[in-house]
C-alpha atoms as a PDB file:
ATOM      1  CA  MET A   1     196.538 -68.947 132.474  1.00  0.00           C
ATOM      2  CA  VAL A   2     199.549 -66.785 133.436  1.00  0.00           C
ATOM      3  CA  ARG A   3     198.937 -64.559 130.406  1.00  0.00           C
ATOM      4  CA  THR A   4     195.304 -64.097 131.463  1.00  0.00           C
ATOM      5  CA  ILE A   5     196.198 -63.129 135.047  1.00  0.00           C
ATOM      6  CA  VAL A   6     198.845 -60.658 133.878  1.00  0.00           C
ATOM      7  CA  TRP A   7     196.425 -59.182 131.350  1.00  0.00           C
ATOM      8  CA  PHE A   8     193.679 -58.496 133.906  1.00  0.00           C
ATOM      9  CA  ILE A   9     196.153 -57.000 136.381  1.00  0.00           C
ATOM     10  CA  TYR A  10     197.493 -54.734 133.653  1.00  0.00           C
ATOM     11  CA  PHE A  11     193.967 -53.836 132.519  1.00  0.00           C
ATOM     12  CA  TRP A  12     193.113 -52.185 135.860  1.00  0.00           C
ATOM     13  CA  TRP A  13     196.622 -50.965 136.679  1.00  0.00           C
ATOM     14  CA  HIS A  14     196.853 -49.033 133.400  1.00  0.00           C
ATOM     15  CA  LEU A  15     193.438 -47.517 133.983  1.00  0.00           C
ATOM     16  CA  PHE A  16     194.601 -46.154 137.330  1.00  0.00           C
ATOM     17  CA  THR A  17     197.792 -44.740 135.780  1.00  0.00           C
ATOM     18  CA  LEU A  18     195.563 -42.782 133.394  1.00  0.00           C
ATOM     19  CA  GLN A  19     193.862 -40.932 136.252  1.00  0.00           C
ATOM     20  CA  PRO A  20     195.985 -37.749 135.809  1.00  0.00           C
ATOM     21  CA  SER A  21     194.984 -37.684 132.133  1.00  0.00           C
ATOM     22  CA  LEU A  22     191.339 -38.119 133.119  1.00  0.00           C
ATOM     23  CA  CYS A  23     191.622 -35.176 135.514  1.00  0.00           C
ATOM     24  CA  ARG A  24     193.119 -33.118 132.693  1.00  0.00           C
ATOM     25  CA  ILE A  25     190.267 -34.149 130.399  1.00  0.00           C
ATOM     26  CA  LYS A  26     187.692 -33.073 132.973  1.00  0.00           C
ATOM     27  CA  ALA A  27     189.430 -29.706 133.345  1.00  0.00           C
ATOM     28  CA  LEU A  28     189.514 -29.175 129.569  1.00  0.00           C
ATOM     29  CA  ASP A  29     185.841 -30.095 129.350  1.00  0.00           C
ATOM     30  CA  LYS A  30     184.928 -27.626 132.102  1.00  0.00           C
ATOM     31  CA  ALA A  31     186.944 -24.902 130.366  1.00  0.00           C
ATOM     32  CA  GLY A  32     185.173 -25.599 127.067  1.00  0.00           C
ATOM     33  CA  ASN A  33     188.389 -26.629 125.305  1.00  0.00           C
ATOM     34  CA  ILE A  34     186.669 -29.392 123.358  1.00  0.00           C
ATOM     35  CA  VAL A  35     189.256 -29.851 120.583  1.00  0.00           C
ATOM     36  CA  GLU A  36     192.119 -30.464 123.023  1.00  0.00           C
ATOM     37  CA  ARG A  37     189.860 -32.615 125.200  1.00  0.00           C
ATOM     38  CA  ASP A  38     188.846 -34.847 122.303  1.00  0.00           C
ATOM     39  CA  ALA A  39     192.438 -35.212 121.086  1.00  0.00           C
ATOM     40  CA  LEU A  40     193.633 -36.281 124.536  1.00  0.00           C
ATOM     41  CA  VAL A  41     190.753 -38.740 124.984  1.00  0.00           C
ATOM     42  CA  SER A  42     191.408 -40.322 121.589  1.00  0.00           C
ATOM     43  CA  ASN A  43     195.161 -40.553 122.116  1.00  0.00           C
ATOM     44  CA  LYS A  44     194.977 -42.153 125.563  1.00  0.00           C
ATOM     45  CA  ALA A  45     192.118 -44.530 124.717  1.00  0.00           C
ATOM     46  CA  LYS A  46     193.852 -45.692 121.542  1.00  0.00           C
ATOM     47  CA  GLY A  47     197.145 -46.308 123.337  1.00  0.00           C
ATOM     48  CA  TRP A  48     195.448 -48.264 126.119  1.00  0.00           C
ATOM     49  CA  ALA A  49     193.510 -50.381 123.605  1.00  0.00           C
ATOM     50  CA  ARG A  50     196.615 -51.228 121.549  1.00  0.00           C
ATOM     51  CA  SER A  51     198.516 -52.226 124.679  1.00  0.00           C
ATOM     52  CA  LEU A  52     195.703 -54.574 125.740  1.00  0.00           C
ATOM     53  CA  VAL A  53     195.712 -56.306 122.355  1.00  0.00           C
ATOM     54  CA  SER A  54     199.514 -56.505 122.322  1.00  0.00           C
ATOM     55  CA  LEU A  55     199.594 -58.056 125.799  1.00  0.00           C
ATOM     56  CA  SER A  56     197.159 -60.741 124.639  1.00  0.00           C
ATOM     57  CA  GLY A  57     199.782 -61.903 122.151  1.00  0.00           C
ATOM     58  CA  CYS A  58     197.533 -61.214 119.168  1.00  0.00           C
ATOM     59  CA  LYS A  59     198.567 -59.941 115.783  1.00  0.00           C
ATOM     60  CA  VAL A  60     196.145 -57.601 113.992  1.00  0.00           C
ATOM     61  CA  GLU A  61     196.177 -56.858 110.266  1.00  0.00           C
ATOM     62  CA  VAL A  62     193.976 -54.035 108.942  1.00  0.00           C
ATOM     63  CA  THR A  63     193.167 -53.662 105.248  1.00  0.00           C
ATOM     64  CA  GLY A  64     191.019 -51.089 103.436  1.00  0.00           C
ATOM     65  CA  GLU A  65     191.568 -48.133 105.764  1.00  0.00           C
ATOM     66  CA  GLU A  66     191.729 -45.910 102.686  1.00  0.00           C
ATOM     67  CA  HIS A  67     187.957 -46.429 102.328  1.00  0.00           C
ATOM     68  CA  ILE A  68     187.241 -44.353 105.441  1.00  0.00           C
ATOM     69  CA  PRO A  69     186.243 -40.728 104.677  1.00  0.00           C
ATOM     70  CA  GLU A  70     188.770 -38.484 106.427  1.00  0.00           C
ATOM     71  CA  ASP A  71     186.992 -35.216 107.141  1.00  0.00           C
ATOM     72  CA  GLU A  72     183.553 -36.381 108.214  1.00  0.00           C
ATOM     73  CA  ALA A  73     181.916 -38.584 110.804  1.00  0.00           C
ATOM     74  CA  VAL A  74     180.989 -42.127 109.807  1.00  0.00           C
ATOM     75  CA  LEU A  75     179.018 -45.001 111.269  1.00  0.00           C
ATOM     76  CA  PHE A  76     181.228 -48.089 111.470  1.00  0.00           C
ATOM     77  CA  VAL A  77     179.071 -51.234 111.271  1.00  0.00           C
ATOM     78  CA  SER A  78     180.912 -54.348 112.392  1.00  0.00           C
ATOM     79  CA  ASN A  79     180.280 -57.992 113.105  1.00  0.00           C
ATOM     80  CA  HIS A  80     180.868 -58.958 116.728  1.00  0.00           C
ATOM     81  CA  GLN A  81     183.052 -61.997 117.352  1.00  0.00           C
ATOM     82  CA  GLY A  82     184.424 -61.416 120.834  1.00  0.00           C
ATOM     83  CA  ASN A  83     185.317 -59.226 123.806  1.00  0.00           C
ATOM     84  CA  PHE A  84     188.437 -57.957 122.056  1.00  0.00           C
ATOM     85  CA  ASP A  85     186.521 -56.394 119.157  1.00  0.00           C
ATOM     86  CA  ILE A  86     186.294 -53.031 120.946  1.00  0.00           C
ATOM     87  CA  PRO A  87     190.029 -52.647 121.750  1.00  0.00           C
ATOM     88  CA  ILE A  88     190.892 -53.914 118.264  1.00  0.00           C
ATOM     89  CA  LEU A  89     188.693 -51.333 116.517  1.00  0.00           C
ATOM     90  CA  LEU A  90     189.640 -48.607 118.987  1.00  0.00           C
ATOM     91  CA  GLY A  91     193.362 -49.214 118.744  1.00  0.00           C
ATOM     92  CA  PHE A  92     193.944 -50.280 115.151  1.00  0.00           C
ATOM     93  CA  ILE A  93     191.660 -48.028 113.089  1.00  0.00           C
ATOM     94  CA  LYS A  94     193.126 -44.523 113.054  1.00  0.00           C
ATOM     95  CA  LYS A  95     189.905 -42.520 112.912  1.00  0.00           C
ATOM     96  CA  PRO A  96     188.674 -41.550 116.424  1.00  0.00           C
ATOM     97  CA  LYS A  97     185.479 -43.318 117.348  1.00  0.00           C
ATOM     98  CA  ALA A  98     183.040 -44.110 120.127  1.00  0.00           C
ATOM     99  CA  PHE A  99     180.794 -47.118 120.583  1.00  0.00           C
ATOM    100  CA  VAL A 100     177.144 -47.955 121.023  1.00  0.00           C
ATOM    101  CA  ALA A 101     177.367 -50.116 124.135  1.00  0.00           C
ATOM    102  CA  LYS A 102     175.069 -51.898 126.537  1.00  0.00           C
ATOM    103  CA  ASN A 103     173.838 -49.778 129.406  1.00  0.00           C
ATOM    104  CA  GLU A 104     175.604 -51.878 132.057  1.00  0.00           C
ATOM    105  CA  LEU A 105     179.017 -50.536 130.996  1.00  0.00           C
ATOM    106  CA  ARG A 106     178.026 -47.040 132.132  1.00  0.00           C
ATOM    107  CA  LYS A 107     178.256 -48.279 135.747  1.00  0.00           C
ATOM    108  CA  PHE A 108     181.802 -49.681 135.486  1.00  0.00           C
ATOM    109  CA  PRO A 109     184.276 -47.696 137.643  1.00  0.00           C
ATOM    110  CA  ILE A 110     186.569 -45.427 135.596  1.00  0.00           C
ATOM    111  CA  ILE A 111     185.632 -47.165 132.327  1.00  0.00           C
ATOM    112  CA  GLY A 112     182.193 -45.565 132.331  1.00  0.00           C
ATOM    113  CA  THR A 113     183.769 -42.126 132.739  1.00  0.00           C
ATOM    114  CA  TRP A 114     186.178 -42.661 129.848  1.00  0.00           C
ATOM    115  CA  MET A 115     183.296 -43.870 127.675  1.00  0.00           C
ATOM    116  CA  LYS A 116     181.342 -40.736 128.557  1.00  0.00           C
ATOM    117  CA  TYR A 117     184.150 -38.477 127.311  1.00  0.00           C
ATOM    118  CA  MET A 118     184.555 -40.630 124.213  1.00  0.00           C
ATOM    119  CA  ASN A 119     180.879 -39.827 123.453  1.00  0.00           C
ATOM    120  CA  CYS A 120     179.788 -43.456 123.674  1.00  0.00           C
ATOM    121  CA  ILE A 121     176.058 -44.165 123.482  1.00  0.00           C
ATOM    122  CA  PHE A 122     174.551 -46.436 126.126  1.00  0.00           C
ATOM    123  CA  MET A 123     171.671 -48.624 124.991  1.00  0.00           C
ATOM    124  CA  ASP A 124     169.086 -50.235 127.267  1.00  0.00           C
ATOM    125  CA  ARG A 125     167.898 -53.036 125.012  1.00  0.00           C
ATOM    126  CA  ASP A 126     165.131 -54.029 127.428  1.00  0.00           C
ATOM    127  CA  ASN A 127     163.527 -50.577 127.329  1.00  0.00           C
ATOM    128  CA  PRO A 128     162.219 -49.604 123.849  1.00  0.00           C
ATOM    129  CA  ARG A 129     161.571 -45.978 124.865  1.00  0.00           C
ATOM    130  CA  GLU A 130     165.117 -45.548 126.185  1.00  0.00           C
ATOM    131  CA  SER A 131     166.495 -47.256 123.077  1.00  0.00           C
ATOM    132  CA  ILE A 132     164.782 -44.669 120.885  1.00  0.00           C
ATOM    133  CA  LYS A 133     166.276 -41.883 123.006  1.00  0.00           C
ATOM    134  CA  ALA A 134     169.717 -43.487 122.629  1.00  0.00           C
ATOM    135  CA  ILE A 135     169.341 -43.683 118.832  1.00  0.00           C
ATOM    136  CA  ASN A 136     168.340 -40.012 118.676  1.00  0.00           C
ATOM    137  CA  HIS A 137     171.267 -39.065 120.895  1.00  0.00           C
ATOM    138  CA  GLY A 138     173.601 -41.108 118.697  1.00  0.00           C
ATOM    139  CA  ALA A 139     172.334 -39.388 115.550  1.00  0.00           C
ATOM    140  CA  LYS A 140     173.016 -36.035 117.228  1.00  0.00           C
ATOM    141  CA  ILE A 141     176.569 -37.111 118.115  1.00  0.00           C
ATOM    142  CA  LEU A 142     177.177 -38.177 114.504  1.00  0.00           C
ATOM    143  CA  LYS A 143     175.876 -34.856 113.187  1.00  0.00           C
ATOM    144  CA  GLU A 144     178.293 -33.091 115.539  1.00  0.00           C
ATOM    145  CA  GLY A 145     181.190 -34.859 113.820  1.00  0.00           C
ATOM    146  CA  TYR A 146     181.906 -37.823 116.111  1.00  0.00           C
ATOM    147  CA  SER A 147     182.137 -41.278 114.534  1.00  0.00           C
ATOM    148  CA  LEU A 148     180.401 -44.254 116.131  1.00  0.00           C
ATOM    149  CA  VAL A 149     180.672 -48.043 115.988  1.00  0.00           C
ATOM    150  CA  ILE A 150     177.676 -50.361 116.182  1.00  0.00           C
ATOM    151  CA  PHE A 151     177.459 -54.146 116.385  1.00  0.00           C
ATOM    152  CA  PRO A 152     174.020 -54.810 114.847  1.00  0.00           C
ATOM    153  CA  GLU A 153     174.036 -58.480 115.866  1.00  0.00           C
ATOM    154  CA  GLY A 154     173.489 -57.189 119.401  1.00  0.00           C
ATOM    155  CA  THR A 155     175.717 -59.823 121.022  1.00  0.00           C
ATOM    156  CA  ARG A 156     178.951 -61.719 120.471  1.00  0.00           C
ATOM    157  CA  SER A 157     179.049 -64.775 118.237  1.00  0.00           C
ATOM    158  CA  LYS A 158     179.699 -68.109 119.948  1.00  0.00           C
ATOM    159  CA  ASP A 159     181.680 -69.614 117.083  1.00  0.00           C
ATOM    160  CA  GLY A 160     182.472 -66.708 114.753  1.00  0.00           C
ATOM    161  CA  THR A 161     179.445 -67.216 112.503  1.00  0.00           C
ATOM    162  CA  LEU A 162     177.500 -64.118 111.489  1.00  0.00           C
ATOM    163  CA  GLY A 163     174.220 -63.495 113.278  1.00  0.00           C
ATOM    164  CA  VAL A 164     171.096 -61.588 112.271  1.00  0.00           C
ATOM    165  CA  PHE A 165     171.485 -57.800 111.891  1.00  0.00           C
ATOM    166  CA  LYS A 166     168.887 -55.735 113.711  1.00  0.00           C
ATOM    167  CA  PRO A 167     167.580 -53.014 111.335  1.00  0.00           C
ATOM    168  CA  GLY A 168     166.855 -50.586 114.181  1.00  0.00           C
ATOM    169  CA  ALA A 169     170.560 -49.950 114.702  1.00  0.00           C
ATOM    170  CA  PHE A 170     170.782 -48.491 111.195  1.00  0.00           C
ATOM    171  CA  LYS A 171     168.521 -45.599 112.167  1.00  0.00           C
ATOM    172  CA  LEU A 172     171.729 -43.981 113.407  1.00  0.00           C
ATOM    173  CA  ALA A 173     172.713 -43.601 109.757  1.00  0.00           C
ATOM    174  CA  THR A 174     169.301 -42.737 108.321  1.00  0.00           C
ATOM    175  CA  LYS A 175     168.652 -40.070 110.971  1.00  0.00           C
ATOM    176  CA  SER A 176     172.115 -38.498 110.772  1.00  0.00           C
ATOM    177  CA  GLY A 177     172.847 -38.906 107.056  1.00  0.00           C
ATOM    178  CA  VAL A 178     176.442 -40.064 107.622  1.00  0.00           C
ATOM    179  CA  CYS A 179     178.143 -42.769 105.567  1.00  0.00           C
ATOM    180  CA  ILE A 180     178.155 -46.369 106.732  1.00  0.00           C
ATOM    181  CA  VAL A 181     181.549 -48.077 106.721  1.00  0.00           C
ATOM    182  CA  PRO A 182     181.214 -51.898 106.897  1.00  0.00           C
ATOM    183  CA  VAL A 183     183.922 -53.557 109.015  1.00  0.00           C
ATOM    184  CA  THR A 184     184.630 -57.289 109.079  1.00  0.00           C
ATOM    185  CA  ILE A 185     186.518 -58.821 111.998  1.00  0.00           C
ATOM    186  CA  LYS A 186     187.949 -62.297 111.475  1.00  0.00           C
ATOM    187  CA  GLY A 187     189.529 -64.385 114.224  1.00  0.00           C
ATOM    188  CA  SER A 188     188.871 -62.346 117.359  1.00  0.00           C
ATOM    189  CA  ASN A 189     186.569 -65.063 118.720  1.00  0.00           C
ATOM    190  CA  GLN A 190     189.688 -67.175 119.283  1.00  0.00           C
ATOM    191  CA  ILE A 191     191.215 -64.711 121.798  1.00  0.00           C
ATOM    192  CA  MET A 192     188.633 -65.087 124.550  1.00  0.00           C
ATOM    193  CA  LYS A 193     185.880 -67.539 123.720  1.00  0.00           C
ATOM    194  CA  LYS A 194     182.340 -66.712 124.811  1.00  0.00           C
ATOM    195  CA  GLY A 195     181.726 -67.966 128.329  1.00  0.00           C
ATOM    196  CA  SER A 196     185.442 -68.084 129.150  1.00  0.00           C
ATOM    197  CA  PHE A 197     187.928 -65.568 130.577  1.00  0.00           C
ATOM    198  CA  ILE A 198     191.026 -67.383 129.310  1.00  0.00           C
ATOM    199  CA  ILE A 199     193.055 -65.264 126.865  1.00  0.00           C
ATOM    200  CA  LYS A 200     194.925 -66.949 124.025  1.00  0.00           C
ATOM    201  CA  PRO A 201     196.994 -65.422 121.193  1.00  0.00           C
ATOM    202  CA  ALA A 202     195.328 -65.281 117.791  1.00  0.00           C
ATOM    203  CA  GLU A 203     195.744 -63.745 114.357  1.00  0.00           C
ATOM    204  CA  VAL A 204     193.009 -61.218 113.627  1.00  0.00           C
ATOM    205  CA  GLU A 205     192.145 -59.645 110.301  1.00  0.00           C
ATOM    206  CA  VAL A 206     190.098 -56.438 110.048  1.00  0.00           C
ATOM    207  CA  VAL A 207     188.667 -55.692 106.602  1.00  0.00           C
ATOM    208  CA  ILE A 208     187.250 -52.224 105.940  1.00  0.00           C
ATOM    209  CA  SER A 209     184.894 -52.060 102.955  1.00  0.00           C
ATOM    210  CA  PRO A 210     184.003 -48.993 100.831  1.00  0.00           C
ATOM    211  CA  ALA A 211     181.682 -46.489 102.493  1.00  0.00           C
ATOM    212  CA  ILE A 212     177.952 -46.574 101.736  1.00  0.00           C
ATOM    213  CA  LYS A 213     176.372 -43.147 101.264  1.00  0.00           C
ATOM    214  CA  MET A 214     172.849 -42.384 102.425  1.00  0.00           C
ATOM    215  CA  GLU A 215     171.216 -41.797  99.069  1.00  0.00           C
ATOM    216  CA  GLN A 216     167.561 -40.992  98.451  1.00  0.00           C
ATOM    217  CA  GLY A 217     165.371 -44.023  99.171  1.00  0.00           C
ATOM    218  CA  LEU A 218     168.126 -45.923 100.931  1.00  0.00           C
ATOM    219  CA  ASP A 219     168.078 -43.378 103.744  1.00  0.00           C
ATOM    220  CA  LYS A 220     164.640 -44.614 104.855  1.00  0.00           C
ATOM    221  CA  ASP A 221     164.906 -48.381 104.392  1.00  0.00           C
ATOM    222  CA  THR A 222     166.801 -49.716 107.401  1.00  0.00           C
ATOM    223  CA  LYS A 223     165.895 -53.306 106.550  1.00  0.00           C
ATOM    224  CA  ALA A 224     167.545 -53.021 103.122  1.00  0.00           C
ATOM    225  CA  LEU A 225     170.556 -51.304 104.680  1.00  0.00           C
ATOM    226  CA  ALA A 226     170.943 -54.070 107.246  1.00  0.00           C
ATOM    227  CA  GLU A 227     170.723 -56.757 104.573  1.00  0.00           C
ATOM    228  CA  ASN A 228     173.190 -54.942 102.293  1.00  0.00           C
ATOM    229  CA  VAL A 229     175.816 -54.438 104.992  1.00  0.00           C
ATOM    230  CA  ARG A 230     175.388 -57.962 106.324  1.00  0.00           C
ATOM    231  CA  ASN A 231     175.976 -59.367 102.845  1.00  0.00           C
ATOM    232  CA  ILE A 232     179.196 -57.356 102.509  1.00  0.00           C
ATOM    233  CA  ILE A 233     180.521 -58.580 105.841  1.00  0.00           C
ATOM    234  CA  SER A 234     179.390 -62.155 105.136  1.00  0.00           C
ATOM    235  CA  GLU A 235     181.352 -62.199 101.859  1.00  0.00           C
ATOM    236  CA  ASN A 236     184.470 -60.930 103.642  1.00  0.00           C
ATOM    237  CA  LEU A 237     184.192 -63.702 106.224  1.00  0.00           C
ATOM    238  CA  CYS A 238     184.350 -66.401 103.532  1.00  0.00           C
END
């Protein structure tokens, strides 16, 4: 329990200490200095994420990072085991990335602003029209060179088992033409179990599989894409 209390205090305290950096980011954005802005956002977000995982007492091992294309945007497709999946992917995979997140996170103080400058996409799952707009916006972001992460299960797993992948999420890849990089997270569900706020140390493994290119035919069949990527992640979970 002490670890959990300390972690939540640190979570908000560190966010407030980043306020000067956020002011600098806003100034760079206003001045049109996008390259420096993006570098600062990535650096600060990654450092914050790594510190959160470290404070939880978890150990993270990443394998397969050589499979990630270096000089182009990609769509990371990951299973979703727990609340710590985002800081794990943000802090322990080198390539800068944003996330497709639920719309409620946009309203969180400070966090919503950081997510905006990270180029995160906010999805209203209860509004099909807004979801389509979010997918189109995400495809635009990918074409502009920013990588994204999606969790096609749509929600966290209760026990670590793999859920159904929603094909609609894969339109981000078919509309933008970027590679899909399957990511398997193993063990993060043990850090903070669904329905609980208690944080416990765990050993987490992140497996990055070879990139899947959007070839002719495949670039239109989101159902086949979803099944293919799910099979890859399912095999890695075994």
